[in-house]
Amino acid sequence: MGGNENVDPSFFGSGDYPFALSDQSLCINEGNPDTTGLNLPEFDLAGNPRFRGGRIDMGAFENQSVSTFINQRFYTDNFEFNCFPNPFINEFTTTWNQTESAFTKIEVFNSTGKRIKKLVGGIIPNGKHECLCKTNDLPSGIYFIRLQINDKILTKKIVKL
């Protein structure tokens, strides 16, 4: 629901469940955040728990993976994506450069793959950008920062001391 309705959902299922989402799908944890009054069943059509990772997925089947992935599906000579300092204590800065105006999302995930924060989400113009993230509310540990520009994703690992 964050602008990804027109991208490939990355289905991988077959047989009785042909529309299951792959671990790299942009539809994971992107369903309606407020399910009050929707009368959603406790389980999806495959019998898996409907709520996983704090939000429902877009579609009839919930992705059941709890693995954290580092997807480096794209890199170009003129693309920059940095997180510093790393390691950090109570805040870090993310910088990126995009060559075109596009749907852009930056999210923070913990080591189990649960989305912790959404830093950026929407149409961002081309150019260099910077985002400061305060992390006083997060425990020490390993985190992953995922940058999505349209259907391209890059993930960086950072450590909070």
N, C-alpha and C. Protein backbone atom coordinates (compact mmCIF):
# COMPACT_ATOMS: atom_id res chain seq x y z
N MET A 1 0.82 -1.18 0.00
CA MET A 1 0.00 0.00 0.00
C MET A 1 0.86 1.25 0.00
N GLY A 2 2.16 1.05 -0.02
CA GLY A 2 3.08 2.17 -0.04
C GLY A 2 3.57 2.48 -1.43
N GLY A 3 2.77 2.31 -2.45
CA GLY A 3 3.17 2.61 -3.81
C GLY A 3 3.68 1.41 -4.58
N ASN A 4 3.55 0.23 -4.00
CA ASN A 4 4.07 -0.97 -4.66
C ASN A 4 2.98 -1.79 -5.33
N GLU A 5 1.81 -1.24 -5.52
CA GLU A 5 0.71 -2.00 -6.09
C GLU A 5 0.94 -2.37 -7.56
N ASN A 6 1.85 -1.68 -8.23
CA ASN A 6 2.06 -1.91 -9.65
C ASN A 6 3.38 -2.62 -9.95
N VAL A 7 4.06 -3.15 -8.93
CA VAL A 7 5.31 -3.87 -9.17
C VAL A 7 5.06 -5.38 -9.11
N ASP A 8 5.98 -6.14 -9.64
CA ASP A 8 5.88 -7.60 -9.62
C ASP A 8 5.88 -8.08 -8.17
N PRO A 9 4.87 -8.83 -7.73
CA PRO A 9 4.81 -9.28 -6.35
C PRO A 9 5.78 -10.42 -6.02
N SER A 10 6.48 -10.94 -7.00
CA SER A 10 7.46 -12.02 -6.80
C SER A 10 6.82 -13.28 -6.22
N PHE A 11 5.82 -13.80 -6.90
CA PHE A 11 5.21 -15.06 -6.49
C PHE A 11 6.18 -16.20 -6.71
N PHE A 12 6.14 -17.22 -5.84
CA PHE A 12 6.97 -18.40 -6.05
C PHE A 12 6.20 -19.69 -5.83
N GLY A 13 4.99 -19.62 -5.37
CA GLY A 13 4.22 -20.80 -5.02
C GLY A 13 3.81 -21.64 -6.23
N SER A 14 3.27 -22.82 -5.93
CA SER A 14 2.78 -23.70 -6.98
C SER A 14 1.69 -24.58 -6.39
N GLY A 15 1.09 -25.42 -7.22
CA GLY A 15 0.06 -26.34 -6.74
C GLY A 15 -1.13 -25.61 -6.18
N ASP A 16 -1.51 -25.94 -4.94
CA ASP A 16 -2.66 -25.33 -4.30
C ASP A 16 -2.43 -23.87 -3.92
N TYR A 17 -1.18 -23.43 -3.85
CA TYR A 17 -0.85 -22.08 -3.39
C TYR A 17 0.06 -21.36 -4.39
N PRO A 18 -0.43 -21.11 -5.61
CA PRO A 18 0.44 -20.53 -6.64
C PRO A 18 0.80 -19.07 -6.41
N PHE A 19 0.14 -18.41 -5.50
CA PHE A 19 0.39 -17.00 -5.31
C PHE A 19 1.03 -16.69 -3.96
N ALA A 20 1.86 -17.60 -3.46
CA ALA A 20 2.63 -17.34 -2.25
C ALA A 20 3.73 -16.35 -2.58
N LEU A 21 4.11 -15.51 -1.61
CA LEU A 21 5.11 -14.47 -1.84
C LEU A 21 6.51 -15.00 -1.57
N SER A 22 7.45 -14.66 -2.45
CA SER A 22 8.85 -15.02 -2.19
C SER A 22 9.40 -14.14 -1.07
N ASP A 23 10.55 -14.51 -0.52
CA ASP A 23 11.14 -13.74 0.57
C ASP A 23 11.54 -12.33 0.14
N GLN A 24 11.72 -12.09 -1.15
CA GLN A 24 12.12 -10.78 -1.64
C GLN A 24 10.94 -9.93 -2.13
N SER A 25 9.73 -10.41 -1.96
CA SER A 25 8.55 -9.70 -2.45
C SER A 25 8.40 -8.34 -1.77
N LEU A 26 8.03 -7.34 -2.56
CA LEU A 26 7.77 -6.00 -2.03
C LEU A 26 6.41 -5.92 -1.36
N CYS A 27 5.65 -7.02 -1.37
CA CYS A 27 4.31 -7.05 -0.76
C CYS A 27 4.34 -7.54 0.69
N ILE A 28 5.49 -8.00 1.17
CA ILE A 28 5.60 -8.49 2.54
C ILE A 28 5.50 -7.31 3.51
N ASN A 29 4.66 -7.46 4.52
CA ASN A 29 4.42 -6.43 5.54
C ASN A 29 3.93 -5.11 4.95
N GLU A 30 3.24 -5.16 3.82
CA GLU A 30 2.75 -3.94 3.18
C GLU A 30 1.24 -3.88 3.12
N GLY A 31 0.56 -4.81 3.81
CA GLY A 31 -0.89 -4.76 3.84
C GLY A 31 -1.38 -3.62 4.71
N ASN A 32 -2.67 -3.45 4.77
CA ASN A 32 -3.27 -2.38 5.56
C ASN A 32 -2.81 -2.49 7.01
N PRO A 33 -2.19 -1.42 7.58
CA PRO A 33 -1.73 -1.51 8.96
C PRO A 33 -2.86 -1.52 9.99
N ASP A 34 -4.02 -1.00 9.63
CA ASP A 34 -5.16 -0.98 10.54
C ASP A 34 -6.18 -2.01 10.07
N THR A 35 -6.21 -3.16 10.73
CA THR A 35 -7.12 -4.22 10.33
C THR A 35 -8.39 -4.24 11.18
N THR A 36 -8.58 -3.21 11.99
CA THR A 36 -9.77 -3.12 12.83
C THR A 36 -11.02 -3.11 11.96
N GLY A 37 -11.95 -3.97 12.28
CA GLY A 37 -13.21 -4.01 11.56
C GLY A 37 -13.18 -4.76 10.24
N LEU A 38 -12.02 -5.27 9.83
CA LEU A 38 -11.95 -6.00 8.57
C LEU A 38 -12.37 -7.46 8.71
N ASN A 39 -12.50 -7.93 9.95
CA ASN A 39 -12.90 -9.30 10.23
C ASN A 39 -12.01 -10.31 9.51
N LEU A 40 -10.70 -10.07 9.55
CA LEU A 40 -9.77 -10.99 8.92
C LEU A 40 -9.68 -12.27 9.73
N PRO A 41 -9.59 -13.40 9.06
CA PRO A 41 -9.43 -14.67 9.79
C PRO A 41 -8.04 -14.71 10.44
N GLU A 42 -7.90 -15.54 11.46
CA GLU A 42 -6.62 -15.69 12.16
C GLU A 42 -5.56 -16.31 11.27
N PHE A 43 -5.99 -17.10 10.27
CA PHE A 43 -5.05 -17.80 9.40
C PHE A 43 -5.30 -17.43 7.94
N ASP A 44 -4.25 -17.49 7.11
CA ASP A 44 -4.41 -17.22 5.68
C ASP A 44 -5.00 -18.44 4.98
N LEU A 45 -5.12 -18.40 3.65
CA LEU A 45 -5.74 -19.49 2.91
C LEU A 45 -4.95 -20.79 2.95
N ALA A 46 -3.67 -20.73 3.31
CA ALA A 46 -2.83 -21.93 3.42
C ALA A 46 -2.79 -22.46 4.85
N GLY A 47 -3.50 -21.79 5.77
CA GLY A 47 -3.51 -22.22 7.16
C GLY A 47 -2.40 -21.63 8.01
N ASN A 48 -1.64 -20.67 7.48
CA ASN A 48 -0.56 -20.02 8.22
C ASN A 48 -1.08 -18.82 8.98
N PRO A 49 -0.42 -18.43 10.07
CA PRO A 49 -0.87 -17.25 10.83
C PRO A 49 -0.95 -16.03 9.93
N ARG A 50 -2.02 -15.27 10.05
CA ARG A 50 -2.25 -14.08 9.22
C ARG A 50 -1.27 -12.96 9.59
N PHE A 51 -1.03 -12.77 10.87
CA PHE A 51 -0.17 -11.68 11.32
C PHE A 51 1.23 -12.21 11.59
N ARG A 52 2.18 -11.68 10.89
CA ARG A 52 3.57 -12.11 11.02
C ARG A 52 4.43 -10.89 10.77
N GLY A 53 5.32 -10.55 11.72
CA GLY A 53 6.18 -9.38 11.53
C GLY A 53 5.48 -8.06 11.79
N GLY A 54 4.34 -8.09 12.47
CA GLY A 54 3.69 -6.85 12.86
C GLY A 54 2.64 -6.32 11.90
N ARG A 55 2.66 -6.73 10.63
CA ARG A 55 1.68 -6.29 9.65
C ARG A 55 1.32 -7.45 8.76
N ILE A 56 0.17 -7.36 8.14
CA ILE A 56 -0.20 -8.40 7.19
C ILE A 56 0.47 -8.13 5.85
N ASP A 57 0.62 -9.19 5.06
CA ASP A 57 1.16 -9.04 3.70
C ASP A 57 0.01 -8.66 2.78
N MET A 58 0.35 -8.12 1.62
CA MET A 58 -0.66 -7.88 0.59
C MET A 58 -0.92 -9.22 -0.09
N GLY A 59 -2.14 -9.65 -0.15
CA GLY A 59 -2.46 -10.90 -0.81
C GLY A 59 -3.10 -11.90 0.14
N ALA A 60 -3.36 -13.09 -0.38
CA ALA A 60 -4.09 -14.11 0.37
C ALA A 60 -3.20 -15.00 1.21
N PHE A 61 -1.88 -14.99 0.95
CA PHE A 61 -0.95 -15.87 1.67
C PHE A 61 0.12 -15.04 2.36
N GLU A 62 0.36 -15.35 3.63
CA GLU A 62 1.40 -14.64 4.39
C GLU A 62 2.75 -15.32 4.18
N ASN A 63 3.78 -14.52 3.95
CA ASN A 63 5.13 -15.06 3.86
C ASN A 63 5.54 -15.53 5.24
N GLN A 64 6.06 -16.74 5.36
CA GLN A 64 6.37 -17.33 6.66
C GLN A 64 7.85 -17.25 7.02
N SER A 65 8.65 -16.67 6.18
CA SER A 65 10.08 -16.60 6.43
C SER A 65 10.39 -15.59 7.53
N VAL A 66 11.30 -15.94 8.40
CA VAL A 66 11.78 -15.01 9.40
C VAL A 66 13.26 -14.72 9.17
N SER A 67 13.78 -15.18 8.04
CA SER A 67 15.18 -14.94 7.75
C SER A 67 15.39 -13.50 7.32
N THR A 68 16.56 -13.00 7.57
CA THR A 68 16.94 -11.67 7.14
C THR A 68 17.77 -11.83 5.89
N PHE A 69 17.42 -11.12 4.85
CA PHE A 69 18.15 -11.26 3.62
C PHE A 69 18.87 -9.96 3.30
N ILE A 70 20.00 -10.09 2.65
CA ILE A 70 20.69 -8.94 2.11
C ILE A 70 20.60 -9.07 0.61
N ASN A 71 19.77 -8.26 0.03
CA ASN A 71 19.50 -8.34 -1.39
C ASN A 71 20.28 -7.25 -2.10
N GLN A 72 21.17 -7.63 -2.98
CA GLN A 72 21.93 -6.64 -3.72
C GLN A 72 21.61 -6.80 -5.19
N ARG A 73 20.32 -6.64 -5.52
CA ARG A 73 19.86 -6.83 -6.88
C ARG A 73 20.32 -5.73 -7.82
N PHE A 74 20.79 -4.60 -7.27
CA PHE A 74 21.24 -3.57 -8.19
C PHE A 74 22.38 -2.78 -7.61
N TYR A 75 23.21 -2.36 -8.50
CA TYR A 75 24.35 -1.49 -8.21
C TYR A 75 24.69 -0.82 -9.52
N THR A 76 24.89 0.46 -9.52
CA THR A 76 25.35 1.14 -10.71
C THR A 76 26.52 2.02 -10.32
N ASP A 77 27.28 2.45 -11.29
CA ASP A 77 28.44 3.29 -11.01
C ASP A 77 28.05 4.62 -10.37
N ASN A 78 26.86 5.12 -10.67
CA ASN A 78 26.47 6.41 -10.13
C ASN A 78 25.50 6.30 -8.96
N PHE A 79 25.39 5.13 -8.36
CA PHE A 79 24.47 4.93 -7.24
C PHE A 79 25.26 4.90 -5.93
N GLU A 80 24.80 5.66 -4.95
CA GLU A 80 25.45 5.69 -3.64
C GLU A 80 24.40 5.41 -2.57
N PHE A 81 24.76 4.58 -1.59
CA PHE A 81 23.90 4.31 -0.44
C PHE A 81 24.82 4.02 0.73
N ASN A 82 24.78 4.88 1.74
CA ASN A 82 25.68 4.75 2.89
C ASN A 82 24.93 4.93 4.19
N CYS A 83 25.42 4.26 5.24
CA CYS A 83 24.92 4.42 6.60
C CYS A 83 26.12 4.65 7.50
N PHE A 84 26.10 5.73 8.26
CA PHE A 84 27.25 6.05 9.11
C PHE A 84 26.77 6.80 10.34
N PRO A 85 27.51 6.79 11.46
CA PRO A 85 28.66 5.91 11.64
C PRO A 85 28.21 4.46 11.79
N ASN A 86 29.10 3.57 11.59
CA ASN A 86 28.81 2.15 11.74
C ASN A 86 30.05 1.47 12.29
N PRO A 87 30.01 1.03 13.54
CA PRO A 87 28.86 0.96 14.46
C PRO A 87 28.44 2.35 14.96
N PHE A 88 27.21 2.42 15.52
CA PHE A 88 26.65 3.66 16.02
C PHE A 88 26.15 3.46 17.44
N ILE A 89 25.80 4.59 18.11
CA ILE A 89 25.30 4.49 19.49
C ILE A 89 23.81 4.84 19.55
N ASN A 90 23.45 6.10 19.35
CA ASN A 90 22.04 6.48 19.47
C ASN A 90 21.44 7.10 18.22
N GLU A 91 22.22 7.21 17.15
CA GLU A 91 21.69 7.71 15.89
C GLU A 91 22.66 7.36 14.77
N PHE A 92 22.12 7.28 13.57
CA PHE A 92 22.93 7.10 12.38
C PHE A 92 22.31 7.91 11.25
N THR A 93 23.10 8.15 10.23
CA THR A 93 22.65 8.90 9.08
C THR A 93 22.71 8.00 7.86
N THR A 94 21.67 8.05 7.06
CA THR A 94 21.62 7.33 5.79
C THR A 94 21.68 8.37 4.68
N THR A 95 22.58 8.15 3.73
CA THR A 95 22.65 9.03 2.57
C THR A 95 22.49 8.19 1.31
N TRP A 96 21.87 8.76 0.32
CA TRP A 96 21.72 8.06 -0.95
C TRP A 96 21.58 9.07 -2.08
N ASN A 97 21.88 8.62 -3.25
CA ASN A 97 21.77 9.43 -4.44
C ASN A 97 20.91 8.67 -5.44
N GLN A 98 19.88 9.29 -5.94
CA GLN A 98 19.08 8.64 -6.96
C GLN A 98 19.09 9.47 -8.23
N THR A 99 19.14 8.78 -9.35
CA THR A 99 19.30 9.43 -10.65
C THR A 99 17.98 9.84 -11.28
N GLU A 100 16.86 9.46 -10.63
CA GLU A 100 15.55 9.84 -11.17
C GLU A 100 14.56 10.00 -10.04
N SER A 101 13.51 10.76 -10.27
CA SER A 101 12.42 10.86 -9.32
C SER A 101 11.71 9.52 -9.30
N ALA A 102 11.51 8.94 -8.09
CA ALA A 102 10.96 7.59 -8.03
C ALA A 102 10.38 7.32 -6.65
N PHE A 103 9.52 6.26 -6.58
CA PHE A 103 9.05 5.78 -5.29
C PHE A 103 10.26 5.26 -4.53
N THR A 104 10.46 5.79 -3.33
CA THR A 104 11.63 5.44 -2.52
C THR A 104 11.17 5.12 -1.10
N LYS A 105 11.74 4.04 -0.56
CA LYS A 105 11.40 3.65 0.81
C LYS A 105 12.69 3.22 1.50
N ILE A 106 12.87 3.69 2.74
CA ILE A 106 14.00 3.25 3.57
C ILE A 106 13.42 2.76 4.88
N GLU A 107 13.75 1.50 5.22
CA GLU A 107 13.24 0.88 6.43
C GLU A 107 14.38 0.26 7.23
N VAL A 108 14.15 0.15 8.55
CA VAL A 108 15.10 -0.49 9.45
C VAL A 108 14.49 -1.80 9.92
N PHE A 109 15.26 -2.90 9.83
CA PHE A 109 14.82 -4.22 10.27
C PHE A 109 15.76 -4.72 11.36
N ASN A 110 15.22 -5.49 12.31
CA ASN A 110 16.09 -6.12 13.30
C ASN A 110 16.66 -7.41 12.74
N SER A 111 17.43 -8.12 13.54
CA SER A 111 18.13 -9.31 13.04
C SER A 111 17.21 -10.48 12.75
N THR A 112 15.94 -10.41 13.17
CA THR A 112 14.99 -11.48 12.84
C THR A 112 14.17 -11.14 11.60
N GLY A 113 14.40 -9.96 11.01
CA GLY A 113 13.68 -9.55 9.82
C GLY A 113 12.43 -8.74 10.09
N LYS A 114 12.17 -8.38 11.34
CA LYS A 114 10.99 -7.58 11.67
C LYS A 114 11.28 -6.11 11.40
N ARG A 115 10.35 -5.46 10.69
CA ARG A 115 10.52 -4.04 10.43
C ARG A 115 10.35 -3.27 11.73
N ILE A 116 11.34 -2.43 12.04
CA ILE A 116 11.36 -1.65 13.27
C ILE A 116 10.94 -0.20 13.01
N LYS A 117 11.43 0.37 11.93
CA LYS A 117 11.14 1.77 11.61
C LYS A 117 11.03 1.95 10.10
N LYS A 118 10.19 2.89 9.71
CA LYS A 118 10.14 3.33 8.32
C LYS A 118 10.64 4.76 8.31
N LEU A 119 11.77 4.99 7.64
CA LEU A 119 12.41 6.30 7.65
C LEU A 119 11.92 7.19 6.51
N VAL A 120 11.72 6.60 5.35
CA VAL A 120 11.33 7.34 4.16
C VAL A 120 10.29 6.51 3.42
N GLY A 121 9.31 7.15 2.84
CA GLY A 121 8.33 6.43 2.04
C GLY A 121 7.54 7.38 1.16
N GLY A 122 7.78 7.33 -0.14
CA GLY A 122 7.04 8.17 -1.06
C GLY A 122 7.85 8.49 -2.30
N ILE A 123 7.32 9.38 -3.11
CA ILE A 123 8.01 9.80 -4.32
C ILE A 123 9.08 10.81 -3.91
N ILE A 124 10.32 10.51 -4.23
CA ILE A 124 11.46 11.36 -3.88
C ILE A 124 12.10 11.83 -5.18
N PRO A 125 12.43 13.13 -5.27
CA PRO A 125 13.05 13.62 -6.51
C PRO A 125 14.48 13.12 -6.65
N ASN A 126 15.01 13.23 -7.88
CA ASN A 126 16.39 12.82 -8.08
C ASN A 126 17.33 13.73 -7.30
N GLY A 127 18.54 13.25 -7.06
CA GLY A 127 19.54 14.04 -6.34
C GLY A 127 20.06 13.31 -5.12
N LYS A 128 20.88 14.03 -4.35
CA LYS A 128 21.47 13.48 -3.13
C LYS A 128 20.53 13.76 -1.96
N HIS A 129 20.37 12.75 -1.09
CA HIS A 129 19.45 12.86 0.04
C HIS A 129 20.12 12.34 1.31
N GLU A 130 19.60 12.80 2.46
CA GLU A 130 20.16 12.40 3.75
C GLU A 130 19.01 12.26 4.75
N CYS A 131 19.11 11.25 5.61
CA CYS A 131 18.07 11.02 6.61
C CYS A 131 18.74 10.63 7.93
N LEU A 132 18.44 11.35 9.00
CA LEU A 132 18.96 11.05 10.33
C LEU A 132 17.96 10.16 11.06
N CYS A 133 18.45 9.08 11.66
CA CYS A 133 17.58 8.16 12.40
C CYS A 133 18.01 8.11 13.85
N LYS A 134 17.13 8.52 14.76
CA LYS A 134 17.37 8.42 16.20
C LYS A 134 17.02 7.01 16.65
N THR A 135 17.90 6.39 17.45
CA THR A 135 17.69 5.00 17.84
C THR A 135 17.73 4.80 19.35
N ASN A 136 17.41 5.84 20.12
CA ASN A 136 17.42 5.72 21.59
C ASN A 136 16.50 4.60 22.07
N ASP A 137 15.43 4.32 21.31
CA ASP A 137 14.44 3.32 21.70
C ASP A 137 14.82 1.90 21.29
N LEU A 138 15.97 1.73 20.63
CA LEU A 138 16.38 0.40 20.16
C LEU A 138 17.49 -0.18 21.03
N PRO A 139 17.43 -1.49 21.30
CA PRO A 139 18.52 -2.13 22.06
C PRO A 139 19.75 -2.31 21.18
N SER A 140 20.88 -2.56 21.80
CA SER A 140 22.10 -2.86 21.04
C SER A 140 21.89 -4.10 20.21
N GLY A 141 22.54 -4.17 19.05
CA GLY A 141 22.41 -5.34 18.21
C GLY A 141 22.68 -5.04 16.76
N ILE A 142 22.38 -6.01 15.91
CA ILE A 142 22.57 -5.90 14.47
C ILE A 142 21.25 -5.50 13.83
N TYR A 143 21.31 -4.54 12.92
CA TYR A 143 20.15 -4.05 12.21
C TYR A 143 20.46 -4.01 10.71
N PHE A 144 19.41 -3.96 9.91
CA PHE A 144 19.56 -3.90 8.47
C PHE A 144 18.76 -2.71 7.95
N ILE A 145 19.38 -1.90 7.12
CA ILE A 145 18.74 -0.75 6.51
C ILE A 145 18.46 -1.12 5.06
N ARG A 146 17.20 -1.08 4.67
CA ARG A 146 16.82 -1.47 3.31
C ARG A 146 16.34 -0.26 2.54
N LEU A 147 17.04 0.01 1.44
CA LEU A 147 16.66 1.08 0.52
C LEU A 147 15.96 0.46 -0.67
N GLN A 148 14.78 0.95 -0.97
CA GLN A 148 14.03 0.50 -2.15
C GLN A 148 13.77 1.70 -3.02
N ILE A 149 14.17 1.62 -4.28
CA ILE A 149 13.84 2.64 -5.26
C ILE A 149 13.08 1.91 -6.37
N ASN A 150 11.78 2.21 -6.47
CA ASN A 150 10.86 1.46 -7.34
C ASN A 150 10.98 -0.02 -7.00
N ASP A 151 11.38 -0.88 -7.92
CA ASP A 151 11.45 -2.32 -7.62
C ASP A 151 12.88 -2.78 -7.34
N LYS A 152 13.80 -1.85 -7.13
CA LYS A 152 15.19 -2.20 -6.85
C LYS A 152 15.46 -2.05 -5.36
N ILE A 153 16.19 -3.01 -4.78
CA ILE A 153 16.42 -3.03 -3.34
C ILE A 153 17.90 -3.23 -3.05
N LEU A 154 18.38 -2.51 -2.05
CA LEU A 154 19.73 -2.71 -1.55
C LEU A 154 19.67 -2.65 -0.03
N THR A 155 20.37 -3.55 0.64
CA THR A 155 20.34 -3.62 2.10
C THR A 155 21.74 -3.50 2.65
N LYS A 156 21.88 -2.72 3.76
CA LYS A 156 23.15 -2.54 4.46
C LYS A 156 22.99 -3.04 5.88
N LYS A 157 24.04 -3.68 6.41
CA LYS A 157 24.03 -4.13 7.80
C LYS A 157 24.73 -3.06 8.65
N ILE A 158 24.10 -2.73 9.79
CA ILE A 158 24.71 -1.77 10.73
C ILE A 158 24.61 -2.37 12.13
N VAL A 159 25.45 -1.87 13.03
CA VAL A 159 25.53 -2.39 14.39
C VAL A 159 25.35 -1.26 15.39
N LYS A 160 24.42 -1.44 16.35
CA LYS A 160 24.24 -0.50 17.44
C LYS A 160 24.99 -1.02 18.65
N LEU A 161 25.86 -0.17 19.19
CA LEU A 161 26.64 -0.55 20.39
C LEU A 161 25.83 -0.32 21.66
